């Protein structure tokens, strides 16, 4: 099950550097490609606004 990023995202960029498979894309609100996400949860662990959660 892939992780998703909610509207609480502030586009700070912390999660992008943590993703081992580069599944996160930049934008006004970042997004996670469910085809690439390995469900490791590393991005959710570092998100300062807790905007990332399992789908």
N, C-alpha and C. Protein backbone atom coordinates (compact mmCIF):
# COMPACT_ATOMS: atom_id res chain seq x y z
N UNK A 1 0.84 -1.18 0.00
CA UNK A 1 0.00 0.00 0.00
C UNK A 1 0.89 1.25 0.00
N UNK A 2 0.69 2.11 -0.94
CA UNK A 2 1.50 3.32 -1.07
C UNK A 2 1.11 4.38 -0.04
N UNK A 3 2.04 5.27 0.23
CA UNK A 3 1.76 6.42 1.08
C UNK A 3 1.19 7.54 0.22
N UNK A 4 0.44 8.44 0.85
CA UNK A 4 -0.13 9.59 0.15
C UNK A 4 0.19 10.85 0.94
N UNK A 5 0.18 11.98 0.24
CA UNK A 5 0.45 13.27 0.87
C UNK A 5 -0.84 14.09 0.84
N UNK A 6 -1.25 14.59 2.01
CA UNK A 6 -2.49 15.34 2.12
C UNK A 6 -2.28 16.83 1.83
N UNK A 7 -3.37 17.58 1.89
CA UNK A 7 -3.32 19.02 1.66
C UNK A 7 -2.58 19.76 2.77
N UNK A 8 -2.21 19.07 3.83
CA UNK A 8 -1.43 19.68 4.91
C UNK A 8 0.02 19.91 4.51
N UNK A 9 0.42 19.39 3.34
CA UNK A 9 1.78 19.52 2.84
C UNK A 9 2.14 21.00 2.65
N UNK A 10 3.31 21.37 3.14
CA UNK A 10 3.79 22.75 2.99
C UNK A 10 4.92 22.83 1.96
N UNK A 11 5.15 21.76 1.24
CA UNK A 11 6.17 21.69 0.18
C UNK A 11 7.55 22.11 0.68
N UNK A 12 7.93 21.61 1.86
CA UNK A 12 9.22 21.97 2.46
C UNK A 12 10.39 21.22 1.83
N UNK A 13 10.13 20.05 1.24
CA UNK A 13 11.17 19.29 0.56
C UNK A 13 11.90 18.27 1.40
N UNK A 14 11.60 18.17 2.67
CA UNK A 14 12.31 17.23 3.54
C UNK A 14 12.10 15.78 3.08
N UNK A 15 10.91 15.45 2.67
CA UNK A 15 10.60 14.07 2.30
C UNK A 15 11.31 13.61 1.03
N UNK A 16 11.52 14.52 0.10
CA UNK A 16 12.13 14.13 -1.19
C UNK A 16 13.51 13.51 -1.00
N UNK A 17 14.32 14.11 -0.16
CA UNK A 17 15.67 13.60 0.08
C UNK A 17 15.67 12.26 0.81
N UNK A 18 14.58 11.96 1.52
CA UNK A 18 14.51 10.72 2.29
C UNK A 18 14.02 9.52 1.49
N UNK A 19 13.32 9.76 0.39
CA UNK A 19 12.73 8.66 -0.38
C UNK A 19 13.81 7.87 -1.12
N UNK A 20 13.96 6.57 -0.80
CA UNK A 20 15.02 5.77 -1.43
C UNK A 20 14.73 5.40 -2.89
N UNK A 21 13.48 5.55 -3.33
CA UNK A 21 13.13 5.17 -4.70
C UNK A 21 12.67 6.36 -5.54
N UNK A 22 12.86 7.56 -5.04
CA UNK A 22 12.51 8.80 -5.75
C UNK A 22 11.07 8.80 -6.24
N UNK A 23 10.14 8.42 -5.37
CA UNK A 23 8.72 8.34 -5.73
C UNK A 23 7.98 9.65 -5.50
N UNK A 24 8.62 10.64 -4.89
CA UNK A 24 7.95 11.89 -4.54
C UNK A 24 8.25 12.97 -5.58
N UNK A 25 7.18 13.64 -6.03
CA UNK A 25 7.30 14.71 -7.01
C UNK A 25 6.98 16.05 -6.36
N UNK A 26 7.70 17.09 -6.79
CA UNK A 26 7.47 18.44 -6.26
C UNK A 26 6.26 19.08 -6.91
N UNK A 27 5.71 20.07 -6.21
CA UNK A 27 4.57 20.84 -6.69
C UNK A 27 4.08 21.72 -5.56
N UNK A 28 2.94 22.37 -5.74
CA UNK A 28 2.36 23.16 -4.65
C UNK A 28 2.13 22.26 -3.44
N UNK A 29 1.64 21.09 -3.73
CA UNK A 29 1.54 20.00 -2.75
C UNK A 29 2.27 18.84 -3.39
N UNK A 30 3.20 18.25 -2.68
CA UNK A 30 3.97 17.14 -3.25
C UNK A 30 3.07 15.92 -3.44
N UNK A 31 3.50 15.00 -4.30
CA UNK A 31 2.73 13.79 -4.53
C UNK A 31 3.67 12.58 -4.57
N UNK A 32 3.10 11.43 -4.29
CA UNK A 32 3.86 10.18 -4.27
C UNK A 32 3.30 9.27 -5.37
N UNK A 33 4.18 8.77 -6.22
CA UNK A 33 3.80 7.85 -7.28
C UNK A 33 3.56 6.47 -6.65
N UNK A 34 2.31 6.00 -6.66
CA UNK A 34 2.02 4.71 -6.01
C UNK A 34 2.70 3.52 -6.67
N UNK A 35 3.08 3.68 -7.95
CA UNK A 35 3.77 2.60 -8.66
C UNK A 35 5.22 2.46 -8.19
N UNK A 36 5.80 3.55 -7.71
CA UNK A 36 7.20 3.53 -7.25
C UNK A 36 7.33 3.34 -5.74
N UNK A 37 6.34 3.79 -4.99
CA UNK A 37 6.39 3.74 -3.52
C UNK A 37 6.52 2.30 -3.03
N UNK A 38 7.49 2.08 -2.13
CA UNK A 38 7.71 0.74 -1.58
C UNK A 38 7.14 0.59 -0.17
N UNK A 39 6.37 1.60 0.29
CA UNK A 39 5.70 1.54 1.59
C UNK A 39 6.70 1.49 2.76
N UNK A 40 7.86 2.14 2.59
CA UNK A 40 8.86 2.09 3.66
C UNK A 40 8.52 3.04 4.81
N UNK A 41 7.79 4.14 4.51
CA UNK A 41 7.38 5.07 5.56
C UNK A 41 8.41 6.10 5.97
N UNK A 42 9.55 6.09 5.33
CA UNK A 42 10.61 7.04 5.69
C UNK A 42 10.14 8.48 5.52
N UNK A 43 9.40 8.74 4.46
CA UNK A 43 8.91 10.10 4.21
C UNK A 43 7.97 10.57 5.33
N UNK A 44 7.10 9.69 5.77
CA UNK A 44 6.15 10.03 6.83
C UNK A 44 6.89 10.31 8.14
N UNK A 45 7.96 9.60 8.39
CA UNK A 45 8.73 9.79 9.62
C UNK A 45 9.36 11.18 9.71
N UNK A 46 9.69 11.79 8.57
CA UNK A 46 10.38 13.08 8.60
C UNK A 46 9.47 14.27 8.31
N UNK A 47 8.23 14.04 7.95
CA UNK A 47 7.31 15.13 7.59
C UNK A 47 6.97 15.99 8.81
N UNK A 48 7.30 17.29 8.78
CA UNK A 48 7.06 18.15 9.93
C UNK A 48 5.58 18.48 10.17
N UNK A 49 4.74 18.30 9.16
CA UNK A 49 3.31 18.60 9.32
C UNK A 49 2.45 17.34 9.39
N UNK A 50 3.09 16.18 9.41
CA UNK A 50 2.39 14.89 9.45
C UNK A 50 1.39 14.77 8.30
N UNK A 51 1.78 15.28 7.12
CA UNK A 51 0.92 15.27 5.94
C UNK A 51 0.99 13.97 5.14
N UNK A 52 1.87 13.06 5.54
CA UNK A 52 2.06 11.82 4.80
C UNK A 52 1.56 10.64 5.62
N UNK A 53 0.72 9.81 4.99
CA UNK A 53 0.17 8.65 5.70
C UNK A 53 -0.07 7.51 4.72
N UNK A 54 -0.25 6.29 5.24
CA UNK A 54 -0.56 5.17 4.35
C UNK A 54 -1.90 5.42 3.68
N UNK A 55 -2.03 4.98 2.45
CA UNK A 55 -3.27 5.18 1.69
C UNK A 55 -4.40 4.39 2.31
